[in-house]
Amino acid sequence: MKHLKKTIMKNIYKTLILLGFITLGISCTEDFVDLSNPNSQTAGTYWQTEDDAVKAVNSVYTALLYDGLYMRLYPWIQDIRADDMRNTSPWWTTDLSNYVTSPDNPCYFTSWQQQYRGIYWANQVISYVPDIDMDEDLKERILGEAKFLRGLYLYHLAILYRNIPVITTIPESVDDFFPAQSTPEEAWAQVIADLTDAMNVLPVKEEYSSADIGRATKGSAAGYLAKTYMITQQWSEAEPILKGIIDGDYGNYALVADYKDNFTEENENNEESLFEVQFDYTVGGTTLGWVGDPALDWSKTSGKARTYAPLGFGWGDITPTDWIYDEFMLEPDADDSIDYRAKVSMFFDYPGCLVYGREFNDVVLSNFVHVAKYLNTYNSAYANENEWRSGINERILRYADILLLYAECLNEQGRTAEAYPYIQEVRDRANLRDLAIEKPGMTQDEMRMQLDHERALEFCFEAQRYVDLVRWGYFDDPDKVALLISRDEEYEDWTAGREYLAIPQTELDVNSNLVQNPGWE
């Protein structure tokens, strides 16, 4: 798969070097001083050919690789605020996990900035590509990719900040640079519109050539559209899409046999992956793209492994809570052994546990349990994560999610008995006993708690848990807040409204049309 991955990266991401630094934005008008550089391409000179369109949409993907999203900060922000992880970093992230930070926290601005950068690039594609004389099928696909990516960036922004500006056009005047916030309902409506448009025109994954694996597909758009409907509690809209993915209407997906294959550099873009962020150790420059404007020498690698690896092998900035460890230990598998997913996800004291090739008990660790998922520990070529660079793709939407969401969707519509087989398909891979025999006839509320448990184990440390907590209303119920505190003492300082991030202070300082989120005033 390694040679294929290089092809993917070169075709999808390397073109940022060309596109990311071309002036594709506002054309000069009589309202502006003409400061155009005759040696720099502009919107008026760039959008001419089919090749221009392909390179332009390639650039839209790159914001996914930036620090504000999957290079480091988005998973970190979500994981440290969830009940399955606690922050063990001495740096500014500590206050973020304790809900006592200020809107000046650089996490807020970096994530905001990079995602709106991706939206800006997507809007350029959507605005300019329709006028290019080119193959119409390819044009339709490119516009579908841009719609998917704009919807995906808006999806992340709505999850993080809730009250966001929804920008779908290219700025034409100074006033356009100071947008007001939309309502959450309007934001989610735009996400749904973009993902629906993308789903209707994108190819299924099997229709792509090997050089284009990693692009958005019909299944990618359908999956995120269904997730959006679940977040907005539109069960009847989510149900047929989820079932369609299961039935193969949007491409062929299935669980991989080995759970570990979802988190290593091998077997990437596999049958379980509906969409993943394409990292590669060998593509791009060697400078880490932490924050700020993109540079030509930025690498296309992830910093997650170094951040999550235990101290001594990485920075140990984030570790599992006792609660998630105990949750795994509640149910042995059918052979009375520890759930295999626990061994893939965490380093802890069990027979055969290796930490970068070393016996667990021969390693001095700061905590009795540490993150293993998405680290290079399974590859003996890596003794640690000291290079801050990993080529492991982030699988941000997996078929297991579709199965458990479909079970949840059925349960929310009062069809609890129908949910069992879809949960069991995920449990079977972990060699867990038949839930229908272990817990027959669950009520709707009992099934909700069971799904809470199942999702916590399947998706721990994947930036999924916090989204579940918010959409399930944990922060709207004092009893559930108390439950969170019992699992993770970092919630003791939570204040109503702070389940969402603050609008970055830097944005408030320059845009008087923005209003700070509740709880952060």
Protein backbone atom coordinates (compact mmCIF):
# COMPACT_ATOMS: atom_id res chain seq x y z
CA MET A 1 0.00 0.00 0.00
CA LYS A 2 2.95 2.37 0.53
CA HIS A 3 3.50 3.01 -3.19
CA LEU A 4 -0.21 3.68 -3.61
CA LYS A 5 -0.19 6.13 -0.73
CA LYS A 6 2.61 8.14 -2.34
CA THR A 7 0.55 8.33 -5.52
CA ILE A 8 -2.45 9.52 -3.56
CA MET A 9 -0.52 12.20 -1.77
CA LYS A 10 1.27 13.48 -4.83
CA ASN A 11 -1.97 13.77 -6.80
CA ILE A 12 -4.14 15.25 -4.08
CA TYR A 13 -2.01 17.33 -1.76
CA LYS A 14 1.28 18.32 -3.30
CA THR A 15 -0.51 20.79 -5.56
CA LEU A 16 -1.01 23.09 -2.58
CA ILE A 17 2.49 24.30 -3.42
CA LEU A 18 1.05 25.69 -6.64
CA LEU A 19 -2.44 26.72 -5.57
CA GLY A 20 -2.12 27.68 -1.94
CA PHE A 21 -0.04 30.74 -2.69
CA ILE A 22 -1.66 32.03 -5.85
CA THR A 23 -3.82 35.10 -5.43
CA LEU A 24 -7.17 33.48 -6.25
CA GLY A 25 -9.35 35.84 -4.27
CA ILE A 26 -10.78 39.25 -4.88
CA SER A 27 -10.26 40.93 -8.20
CA CYS A 28 -9.28 44.56 -7.90
CA THR A 29 -12.11 47.04 -8.35
CA GLU A 30 -12.26 50.79 -8.40
CA ASP A 31 -12.83 50.67 -4.62
CA PHE A 32 -9.30 49.32 -4.11
CA VAL A 33 -5.85 50.61 -4.87
CA ASP A 34 -4.37 48.46 -7.65
CA LEU A 35 -1.50 46.66 -5.95
CA SER A 36 -1.49 43.68 -8.29
CA ASN A 37 1.79 41.92 -8.98
CA PRO A 38 2.23 41.22 -12.71
CA ASN A 39 4.27 38.13 -11.82
CA SER A 40 1.52 36.62 -9.64
CA GLN A 41 -1.54 34.79 -10.89
CA THR A 42 -4.93 36.22 -10.03
CA ALA A 43 -8.52 35.04 -10.28
CA GLY A 44 -8.67 36.71 -13.66
CA THR A 45 -5.71 34.84 -15.09
CA TYR A 46 -5.80 31.47 -13.32
CA TRP A 47 -9.15 29.80 -13.98
CA GLN A 48 -8.65 28.81 -17.61
CA THR A 49 -8.18 25.06 -18.05
CA GLU A 50 -9.26 21.66 -16.81
CA ASP A 51 -5.86 21.27 -15.17
CA ASP A 52 -6.43 24.53 -13.28
CA ALA A 53 -9.70 23.15 -11.91
CA VAL A 54 -8.14 19.87 -10.78
CA LYS A 55 -5.24 21.62 -9.05
CA ALA A 56 -7.63 24.06 -7.40
CA VAL A 57 -9.82 21.38 -5.85
CA ASN A 58 -6.70 19.52 -4.75
CA SER A 59 -5.72 22.55 -2.70
CA VAL A 60 -9.05 22.51 -0.84
CA TYR A 61 -8.14 19.21 0.81
CA THR A 62 -4.98 20.61 2.35
CA ALA A 63 -6.65 22.45 5.24
CA LEU A 64 -7.43 18.99 6.64
CA LEU A 65 -3.69 18.52 7.11
CA TYR A 66 -3.16 21.77 9.01
CA ASP A 67 -2.63 22.14 12.72
CA GLY A 68 -6.14 23.50 13.22
CA LEU A 69 -7.60 20.24 11.99
CA TYR A 70 -6.14 16.75 11.81
CA MET A 71 -2.42 17.51 11.86
CA ARG A 72 -2.84 17.98 15.62
CA LEU A 73 -5.33 20.36 17.21
CA TYR A 74 -8.83 19.16 16.26
CA PRO A 75 -8.39 15.62 17.68
CA TRP A 76 -6.56 17.07 20.67
CA ILE A 77 -9.24 19.67 21.42
CA GLN A 78 -12.01 17.09 21.19
CA ASP A 79 -10.21 14.30 23.05
CA ILE A 80 -9.03 16.32 26.05
CA ARG A 81 -12.57 17.59 26.61
CA ALA A 82 -14.09 14.09 26.52
CA ASP A 83 -14.54 11.79 29.50
CA ASP A 84 -12.28 9.10 28.02
CA MET A 85 -9.15 11.28 28.15
CA ARG A 86 -7.46 13.73 30.45
CA ASN A 87 -4.87 16.34 29.73
CA THR A 88 -1.38 15.71 31.10
CA SER A 89 0.40 18.52 29.29
CA PRO A 90 2.04 21.39 31.21
CA TRP A 91 1.27 23.79 28.39
CA TRP A 92 -1.73 25.96 27.51
CA THR A 93 -3.93 22.99 26.70
CA THR A 94 -4.39 22.29 30.41
CA ASP A 95 -6.87 25.11 30.90
CA LEU A 96 -8.70 24.04 27.74
CA SER A 97 -9.44 20.62 29.24
CA ASN A 98 -10.46 22.27 32.54
CA TYR A 99 -12.83 24.74 30.85
CA VAL A 100 -11.13 27.73 32.50
CA THR A 101 -9.13 29.10 29.57
CA SER A 102 -9.78 32.46 27.89
CA PRO A 103 -10.80 33.31 24.31
CA ASP A 104 -7.15 34.28 23.75
CA ASN A 105 -6.15 30.61 23.78
CA PRO A 106 -4.28 29.99 20.49
CA CYS A 107 -6.16 26.69 20.00
CA TYR A 108 -9.31 28.64 19.24
CA PHE A 109 -7.85 30.85 16.56
CA THR A 110 -5.72 28.21 14.85
CA SER A 111 -8.65 25.86 14.29
CA TRP A 112 -10.96 28.71 13.24
CA GLN A 113 -8.39 30.18 10.84
CA GLN A 114 -7.45 27.01 9.02
CA GLN A 115 -11.00 25.82 8.50
CA TYR A 116 -12.13 29.14 7.07
CA ARG A 117 -9.09 29.00 4.82
CA GLY A 118 -10.41 25.68 3.50
CA ILE A 119 -13.87 27.18 3.02
CA TYR A 120 -12.39 30.10 1.11
CA TRP A 121 -10.60 27.76 -1.28
CA ALA A 122 -13.76 25.67 -1.71
CA ASN A 123 -15.79 28.78 -2.50
CA GLN A 124 -13.29 29.70 -5.21
CA VAL A 125 -13.73 26.32 -6.88
CA ILE A 126 -17.52 26.52 -6.63
CA SER A 127 -17.51 30.07 -8.04
CA TYR A 128 -15.00 29.79 -10.88
CA VAL A 129 -14.99 26.21 -12.16
CA PRO A 130 -18.49 26.34 -13.74
CA ASP A 131 -17.18 28.82 -16.36
CA ILE A 132 -14.20 26.66 -17.41
CA ASP A 133 -14.53 24.87 -20.76
CA MET A 134 -13.72 21.27 -19.74
CA ASP A 135 -15.07 17.73 -19.52
CA GLU A 136 -18.51 18.07 -17.94
CA ASP A 137 -18.35 14.86 -15.92
CA LEU A 138 -15.03 15.89 -14.39
CA LYS A 139 -16.39 19.36 -13.72
CA GLU A 140 -19.36 17.87 -11.89
CA ARG A 141 -17.07 15.71 -9.78
CA ILE A 142 -14.78 18.63 -8.91
CA LEU A 143 -17.73 20.74 -7.83
CA GLY A 144 -18.99 17.80 -5.77
CA GLU A 145 -15.63 17.50 -4.06
CA ALA A 146 -15.61 21.22 -3.26
CA LYS A 147 -19.17 21.05 -1.89
CA PHE A 148 -18.24 18.06 0.26
CA LEU A 149 -15.17 19.79 1.66
CA ARG A 150 -16.98 23.06 2.35
CA GLY A 151 -19.69 21.08 4.11
CA LEU A 152 -17.06 19.15 6.07
CA TYR A 153 -15.28 22.32 7.24
CA LEU A 154 -18.59 23.89 8.25
CA TYR A 155 -19.49 20.65 10.04
CA HIS A 156 -16.33 20.87 12.14
CA LEU A 157 -16.81 24.58 12.83
CA ALA A 158 -20.42 24.06 13.95
CA ILE A 159 -19.31 21.25 16.26
CA LEU A 160 -16.52 23.34 17.77
CA TYR A 161 -18.04 26.83 17.93
CA ARG A 162 -21.78 26.40 17.29
CA ASN A 163 -22.38 30.08 16.36
CA ILE A 164 -20.38 30.63 13.21
CA PRO A 165 -20.47 32.75 10.06
CA VAL A 166 -21.62 30.68 7.10
CA ILE A 167 -19.67 31.92 4.09
CA THR A 168 -20.59 30.53 0.68
CA THR A 169 -19.40 33.26 -1.70
CA ILE A 170 -16.18 35.02 -2.67
CA PRO A 171 -15.81 38.44 -0.96
CA GLU A 172 -16.53 41.30 -3.34
CA SER A 173 -16.28 44.30 -1.02
CA VAL A 174 -14.66 45.31 2.25
CA ASP A 175 -17.90 44.61 4.14
CA ASP A 176 -17.78 40.99 3.03
CA PHE A 177 -14.70 40.49 5.18
CA PHE A 178 -16.72 41.12 8.34
CA PRO A 179 -19.53 38.54 8.27
CA ALA A 180 -22.06 38.11 11.06
CA GLN A 181 -22.80 34.76 12.63
CA SER A 182 -25.56 32.55 11.36
CA THR A 183 -27.84 30.65 13.69
CA PRO A 184 -26.86 27.04 14.45
CA GLU A 185 -29.91 25.94 12.46
CA GLU A 186 -28.73 27.91 9.44
CA ALA A 187 -25.23 26.48 9.74
CA TRP A 188 -26.46 22.90 9.87
CA ALA A 189 -28.84 23.58 6.98
CA GLN A 190 -25.87 24.67 4.84
CA VAL A 191 -23.91 21.57 5.86
CA ILE A 192 -26.88 19.43 4.82
CA ALA A 193 -27.26 21.29 1.52
CA ASP A 194 -23.56 20.95 0.62
CA LEU A 195 -23.32 17.28 1.58
CA THR A 196 -26.56 16.47 -0.25
CA ASP A 197 -25.30 18.16 -3.42
CA ALA A 198 -22.00 16.29 -3.10
CA MET A 199 -23.68 12.94 -2.44
CA ASN A 200 -25.81 13.30 -5.56
CA VAL A 201 -22.90 13.81 -7.97
CA LEU A 202 -19.75 12.21 -6.53
CA PRO A 203 -18.61 8.78 -7.76
CA VAL A 204 -18.63 5.75 -5.48
CA LYS A 205 -15.11 4.85 -4.34
CA GLU A 206 -14.85 1.92 -6.77
CA GLU A 207 -15.13 4.32 -9.72
CA TYR A 208 -11.92 6.17 -8.85
CA SER A 209 -8.58 5.15 -10.33
CA SER A 210 -5.77 4.20 -7.96
CA ALA A 211 -4.23 7.65 -8.46
CA ASP A 212 -7.35 9.30 -7.05
CA ILE A 213 -7.98 7.12 -4.00
CA GLY A 214 -8.49 9.41 -1.02
CA ARG A 215 -10.77 11.88 -2.75
CA ALA A 216 -14.29 12.48 -1.48
CA THR A 217 -16.79 9.86 -2.63
CA LYS A 218 -20.52 9.35 -2.64
CA GLY A 219 -20.08 7.27 0.52
CA SER A 220 -18.06 10.04 2.22
CA ALA A 221 -20.79 12.58 1.58
CA ALA A 222 -23.59 10.17 2.54
CA GLY A 223 -21.83 9.25 5.78
CA TYR A 224 -21.32 12.82 6.93
CA LEU A 225 -24.82 13.77 5.82
CA ALA A 226 -26.20 10.96 7.99
CA LYS A 227 -24.01 12.05 10.91
CA THR A 228 -25.32 15.60 10.51
CA TYR A 229 -28.90 14.36 10.61
CA MET A 230 -28.08 12.41 13.78
CA ILE A 231 -26.54 15.48 15.42
CA THR A 232 -29.66 17.50 14.57
CA GLN A 233 -31.89 14.60 15.68
CA GLN A 234 -33.55 14.15 12.30
CA TRP A 235 -33.91 10.41 12.66
CA SER A 236 -36.23 9.77 9.73
CA GLU A 237 -33.87 11.61 7.38
CA ALA A 238 -30.80 9.78 8.68
CA GLU A 239 -32.31 6.29 8.53
CA PRO A 240 -32.51 5.69 4.74
CA ILE A 241 -29.01 7.09 4.16
CA LEU A 242 -27.45 4.93 6.87
CA LYS A 243 -29.30 1.87 5.59
CA GLY A 244 -28.26 2.73 2.04
CA ILE A 245 -24.59 2.77 3.06
CA ILE A 246 -25.03 -0.61 4.76
CA ASP A 247 -26.76 -2.00 1.67
CA GLY A 248 -24.01 -0.79 -0.67
CA ASP A 249 -25.99 1.94 -2.40
CA TYR A 250 -23.16 4.45 -1.91
CA GLY A 251 -20.19 2.11 -2.41
CA ASN A 252 -19.05 -1.16 -0.89
CA TYR A 253 -18.02 -0.93 2.78
CA ALA A 254 -17.36 -3.50 5.48
CA LEU A 255 -15.52 -3.87 8.76
CA VAL A 256 -11.88 -4.87 8.40
CA ALA A 257 -11.13 -8.17 10.13
CA ASP A 258 -8.45 -6.71 12.40
CA TYR A 259 -9.51 -3.61 14.38
CA LYS A 260 -5.86 -2.50 14.50
CA ASP A 261 -5.81 -1.99 10.72
CA ASN A 262 -7.78 1.21 11.22
CA PHE A 263 -4.90 2.92 13.02
CA THR A 264 -1.64 1.94 11.34
CA GLU A 265 0.20 3.03 8.22
CA GLU A 266 -0.55 -0.33 6.62
CA ASN A 267 -3.94 -1.13 5.05
CA GLU A 268 -4.93 2.51 4.66
CA ASN A 269 -7.96 3.50 2.55
CA ASN A 270 -9.40 0.09 3.35
CA GLU A 271 -12.94 -1.21 3.07
CA GLU A 272 -13.95 0.21 6.47
CA SER A 273 -12.90 3.77 5.65
CA LEU A 274 -15.49 6.14 4.25
CA PHE A 275 -13.11 9.08 4.47
CA GLU A 276 -9.64 9.62 5.84
CA VAL A 277 -7.05 12.37 5.95
CA GLN A 278 -4.06 11.43 3.82
CA PHE A 279 -0.75 11.89 5.64
CA ASP A 280 2.61 10.76 4.29
CA TYR A 281 6.06 10.87 5.86
CA THR A 282 7.77 11.23 2.50
CA VAL A 283 5.64 13.86 0.72
CA GLY A 284 6.14 17.61 0.93
CA GLY A 285 8.86 19.44 2.84
CA THR A 286 10.33 18.69 6.22
CA THR A 287 9.11 21.72 8.20
CA LEU A 288 6.25 21.02 10.58
CA GLY A 289 3.18 23.05 9.68
CA TRP A 290 2.18 24.11 13.16
CA VAL A 291 0.40 27.44 12.87
CA GLY A 292 0.22 30.50 10.67
CA ASP A 293 0.17 30.81 6.90
CA PRO A 294 1.06 27.72 4.84
CA ALA A 295 4.66 27.58 3.65
CA LEU A 296 6.23 25.81 0.70
CA ASP A 297 8.34 23.58 2.93
CA TRP A 298 5.51 22.30 5.14
CA SER A 299 5.44 18.52 5.39
CA LYS A 300 2.29 16.47 4.89
CA THR A 301 2.62 14.59 8.16
CA SER A 302 0.71 14.26 11.42
CA GLY A 303 1.93 15.44 14.82
CA LYS A 304 -0.63 13.33 16.66
CA ALA A 305 1.66 10.39 17.41
CA ARG A 306 4.25 12.55 19.15
CA THR A 307 1.57 14.39 21.11
CA TYR A 308 -0.26 11.28 22.31
CA ALA A 309 2.72 8.96 22.87
CA PRO A 310 3.68 8.37 26.53
CA LEU A 311 6.41 10.50 28.04
CA GLY A 312 9.78 9.06 27.10
CA PHE A 313 8.51 8.12 23.63
CA GLY A 314 6.61 11.32 22.91
CA TRP A 315 5.30 14.24 24.92
CA GLY A 316 2.58 12.37 26.82
CA ASP A 317 0.26 15.37 26.54
CA ILE A 318 -2.94 13.35 26.81
CA THR A 319 -3.76 10.06 28.55
CA PRO A 320 -6.82 7.83 29.01
CA THR A 321 -9.00 8.31 32.06
CA ASP A 322 -9.46 5.56 34.62
CA TRP A 323 -13.10 5.49 33.56
CA ILE A 324 -12.46 4.34 29.97
CA TYR A 325 -10.03 1.69 31.21
CA ASP A 326 -12.66 0.44 33.68
CA GLU A 327 -15.31 0.54 30.94
CA PHE A 328 -13.22 -1.85 28.85
CA MET A 329 -12.82 -4.17 31.81
CA LEU A 330 -16.60 -4.47 32.40
CA GLU A 331 -17.05 -7.13 29.77
CA PRO A 332 -14.54 -9.87 28.91
CA ASP A 333 -14.77 -11.31 25.44
CA ALA A 334 -16.21 -14.71 24.53
CA ASP A 335 -12.92 -16.36 25.54
CA ASP A 336 -12.91 -14.53 28.90
CA SER A 337 -10.02 -12.37 27.74
CA ILE A 338 -9.68 -8.59 27.68
CA ASP A 339 -11.48 -6.84 24.83
CA TYR A 340 -8.98 -6.79 21.96
CA ARG A 341 -9.81 -3.14 21.25
CA ALA A 342 -8.43 -2.18 24.66
CA LYS A 343 -5.07 -3.70 23.71
CA VAL A 344 -5.04 -1.86 20.38
CA SER A 345 -6.09 1.44 21.95
CA MET A 346 -4.01 1.53 25.14
CA PHE A 347 -0.73 0.54 26.73
CA PHE A 348 -1.39 -1.10 30.08
CA ASP A 349 -0.16 -4.06 32.10
CA TYR A 350 -1.36 -7.17 30.31
CA PRO A 351 0.67 -10.18 29.14
CA GLY A 352 2.46 -9.39 25.90
CA CYS A 353 2.02 -5.60 25.99
CA LEU A 354 4.87 -3.96 24.10
CA VAL A 355 5.65 -0.24 24.14
CA TYR A 356 7.67 0.45 21.00
CA GLY A 357 9.03 -3.09 21.17
CA ARG A 358 9.79 -3.02 24.91
CA GLU A 359 7.98 -5.00 27.59
CA PHE A 360 5.47 -2.84 29.44
CA ASN A 361 7.01 -3.58 32.84
CA ASP A 362 10.47 -2.63 31.56
CA VAL A 363 9.33 0.89 30.70
CA VAL A 364 8.98 3.72 33.21
CA LEU A 365 5.65 5.40 32.47
CA SER A 366 3.97 8.32 34.24
CA ASN A 367 0.56 6.66 34.36
CA PHE A 368 -0.71 3.09 34.52
CA VAL A 369 -2.42 3.43 31.14
CA HIS A 370 -1.44 5.37 27.99
CA VAL A 371 -2.72 5.86 24.46
CA ALA A 372 -1.51 3.40 21.81
CA LYS A 373 -4.03 4.05 19.02
CA TYR A 374 -2.63 5.96 16.02
CA LEU A 375 0.96 5.68 17.25
CA ASN A 376 3.87 4.09 15.39
CA THR A 377 4.37 1.51 18.13
CA TYR A 378 3.16 -1.33 15.89
CA ASN A 379 6.01 -0.71 13.44
CA SER A 380 9.37 -1.87 14.76
CA ALA A 381 11.13 0.72 12.60
CA TYR A 382 10.08 3.40 15.10
CA ALA A 383 11.74 3.44 18.52
CA ASN A 384 9.78 6.53 19.58
CA GLU A 385 7.93 9.55 18.18
CA ASN A 386 10.74 12.07 18.51
CA GLU A 387 10.57 13.30 14.93
CA TRP A 388 7.11 14.83 15.39
CA ARG A 389 6.20 13.40 12.01
CA SER A 390 3.89 10.48 11.33
CA GLY A 391 2.52 9.17 8.05
CA ILE A 392 -0.48 7.38 9.54
CA ASN A 393 -3.75 8.39 7.85
CA GLU A 394 -6.49 9.60 10.17
CA ARG A 395 -9.62 7.55 9.47
CA ILE A 396 -12.20 10.16 10.37
CA LEU A 397 -15.28 8.23 9.21
CA ARG A 398 -15.46 4.45 9.59
CA TYR A 399 -18.09 1.90 8.65
CA ALA A 400 -18.33 0.87 12.32
CA ASP A 401 -19.72 4.36 12.96
CA ILE A 402 -22.39 3.82 10.33
CA LEU A 403 -23.49 0.53 11.92
CA LEU A 404 -23.75 1.98 15.43
CA LEU A 405 -25.45 5.16 14.21
CA TYR A 406 -28.02 3.07 12.37
CA ALA A 407 -28.69 1.08 15.54
CA GLU A 408 -29.09 4.35 17.43
CA CYS A 409 -31.38 5.76 14.75
CA LEU A 410 -33.64 2.71 14.98
CA ASN A 411 -33.72 2.92 18.76
CA GLU A 412 -34.61 6.61 18.72
CA GLN A 413 -37.60 5.77 16.54
CA GLY A 414 -38.83 3.17 19.02
CA ARG A 415 -37.53 0.15 17.06
CA THR A 416 -35.13 -1.03 19.75
CA ALA A 417 -35.31 -4.73 18.90
CA GLU A 418 -34.13 -4.01 15.35
CA ALA A 419 -30.95 -2.33 16.64
CA TYR A 420 -29.35 -5.47 18.08
CA PRO A 421 -27.84 -7.05 14.92
CA TYR A 422 -26.08 -3.85 13.83
CA ILE A 423 -24.47 -3.46 17.24
CA GLN A 424 -23.55 -7.12 17.22
CA GLU A 425 -21.70 -6.80 13.94
CA VAL A 426 -19.28 -4.41 15.65
CA ARG A 427 -19.16 -6.58 18.78
CA ASP A 428 -18.41 -9.71 16.74
CA ARG A 429 -15.15 -8.25 15.50
CA ALA A 430 -14.15 -7.71 19.15
CA ASN A 431 -15.20 -11.32 19.90
CA LEU A 432 -17.86 -10.16 22.37
CA ARG A 433 -20.83 -12.30 23.29
CA ASP A 434 -24.23 -11.95 21.64
CA LEU A 435 -25.88 -8.86 23.09
CA ALA A 436 -29.35 -10.21 22.31
CA ILE A 437 -28.62 -13.12 24.64
CA GLU A 438 -26.69 -11.15 27.26
CA LYS A 439 -29.19 -8.28 27.46
CA PRO A 440 -32.44 -9.24 25.72
CA GLY A 441 -35.46 -6.95 25.59
CA MET A 442 -33.75 -3.69 26.52
CA THR A 443 -35.92 -0.59 26.81
CA GLN A 444 -35.18 2.45 24.69
CA ASP A 445 -33.35 4.15 27.59
CA GLU A 446 -31.36 1.01 28.36
CA MET A 447 -30.37 0.74 24.71
CA ARG A 448 -29.25 4.38 24.76
CA MET A 449 -26.87 3.61 27.61
CA GLN A 450 -25.70 0.46 25.86
CA LEU A 451 -24.89 2.46 22.74
CA ASP A 452 -23.07 4.98 24.93
CA HIS A 453 -20.91 2.11 26.15
CA GLU A 454 -20.43 0.54 22.72
CA ARG A 455 -19.41 3.80 21.06
CA ALA A 456 -17.05 4.71 23.90
CA LEU A 457 -15.09 1.49 23.40
CA GLU A 458 -15.15 1.42 19.61
CA PHE A 459 -14.17 5.08 19.06
CA CYS A 460 -12.08 5.99 22.11
CA PHE A 461 -9.34 8.56 21.36
CA GLU A 462 -10.70 9.26 17.85
CA ALA A 463 -12.18 12.73 18.50
CA GLN A 464 -15.65 11.14 18.40
CA ARG A 465 -16.56 10.82 22.06
CA TYR A 466 -16.97 14.53 22.78
CA VAL A 467 -19.26 14.99 19.78
CA ASP A 468 -21.41 12.18 21.17
CA LEU A 469 -21.55 13.75 24.62
CA VAL A 470 -22.74 17.06 23.22
CA ARG A 471 -25.32 15.63 20.82
CA TRP A 472 -26.68 13.32 23.53
CA GLY A 473 -27.35 16.31 25.77
CA TYR A 474 -24.89 15.48 28.55
CA PHE A 475 -24.30 19.18 29.18
CA ASP A 476 -28.01 19.97 29.34
CA ASP A 477 -28.71 17.63 32.27
CA PRO A 478 -27.27 18.30 35.77
CA ASP A 479 -27.33 14.57 36.55
CA LYS A 480 -25.28 13.80 33.47
CA VAL A 481 -22.84 16.60 34.25
CA ALA A 482 -22.41 15.01 37.68
CA LEU A 483 -21.79 11.69 35.92
CA LEU A 484 -19.10 13.31 33.78
CA ILE A 485 -17.43 14.76 36.87
CA SER A 486 -17.37 11.30 38.43
CA ARG A 487 -15.56 10.02 35.35
CA ASP A 488 -13.18 12.95 34.89
CA GLU A 489 -12.58 15.65 37.53
CA GLU A 490 -11.68 18.14 34.78
CA TYR A 491 -15.43 18.74 34.42
CA GLU A 492 -15.62 20.31 37.88
CA ASP A 493 -14.85 23.72 36.35
CA TRP A 494 -17.30 23.39 33.46
CA THR A 495 -19.65 26.36 33.01
CA ALA A 496 -22.86 26.26 30.98
CA GLY A 497 -22.12 27.21 27.39
CA ARG A 498 -18.50 26.10 27.47
CA GLU A 499 -19.27 22.80 25.85
CA TYR A 500 -18.50 24.89 22.75
CA LEU A 501 -15.27 26.78 22.19
CA ALA A 502 -15.01 30.53 22.54
CA ILE A 503 -15.08 32.67 19.43
CA PRO A 504 -11.37 33.60 19.10
CA GLN A 505 -10.61 36.95 20.67
CA THR A 506 -8.53 37.92 17.64
CA GLU A 507 -11.67 37.61 15.49
CA LEU A 508 -13.78 39.64 17.90
CA ASP A 509 -11.14 42.36 17.91
CA VAL A 510 -11.33 42.88 14.15
CA ASN A 511 -14.97 42.02 13.41
CA SER A 512 -17.58 43.91 15.39
CA ASN A 513 -20.33 41.80 13.80
CA LEU A 514 -19.28 38.76 15.84
CA VAL A 515 -20.72 38.03 19.29
CA GLN A 516 -18.95 35.91 21.90
CA ASN A 517 -20.47 32.53 22.70
CA PRO A 518 -22.51 32.13 25.91
CA GLY A 519 -20.38 31.21 28.90
CA TRP A 520 -17.32 33.01 27.55
CA GLU A 521 -18.43 36.65 27.86
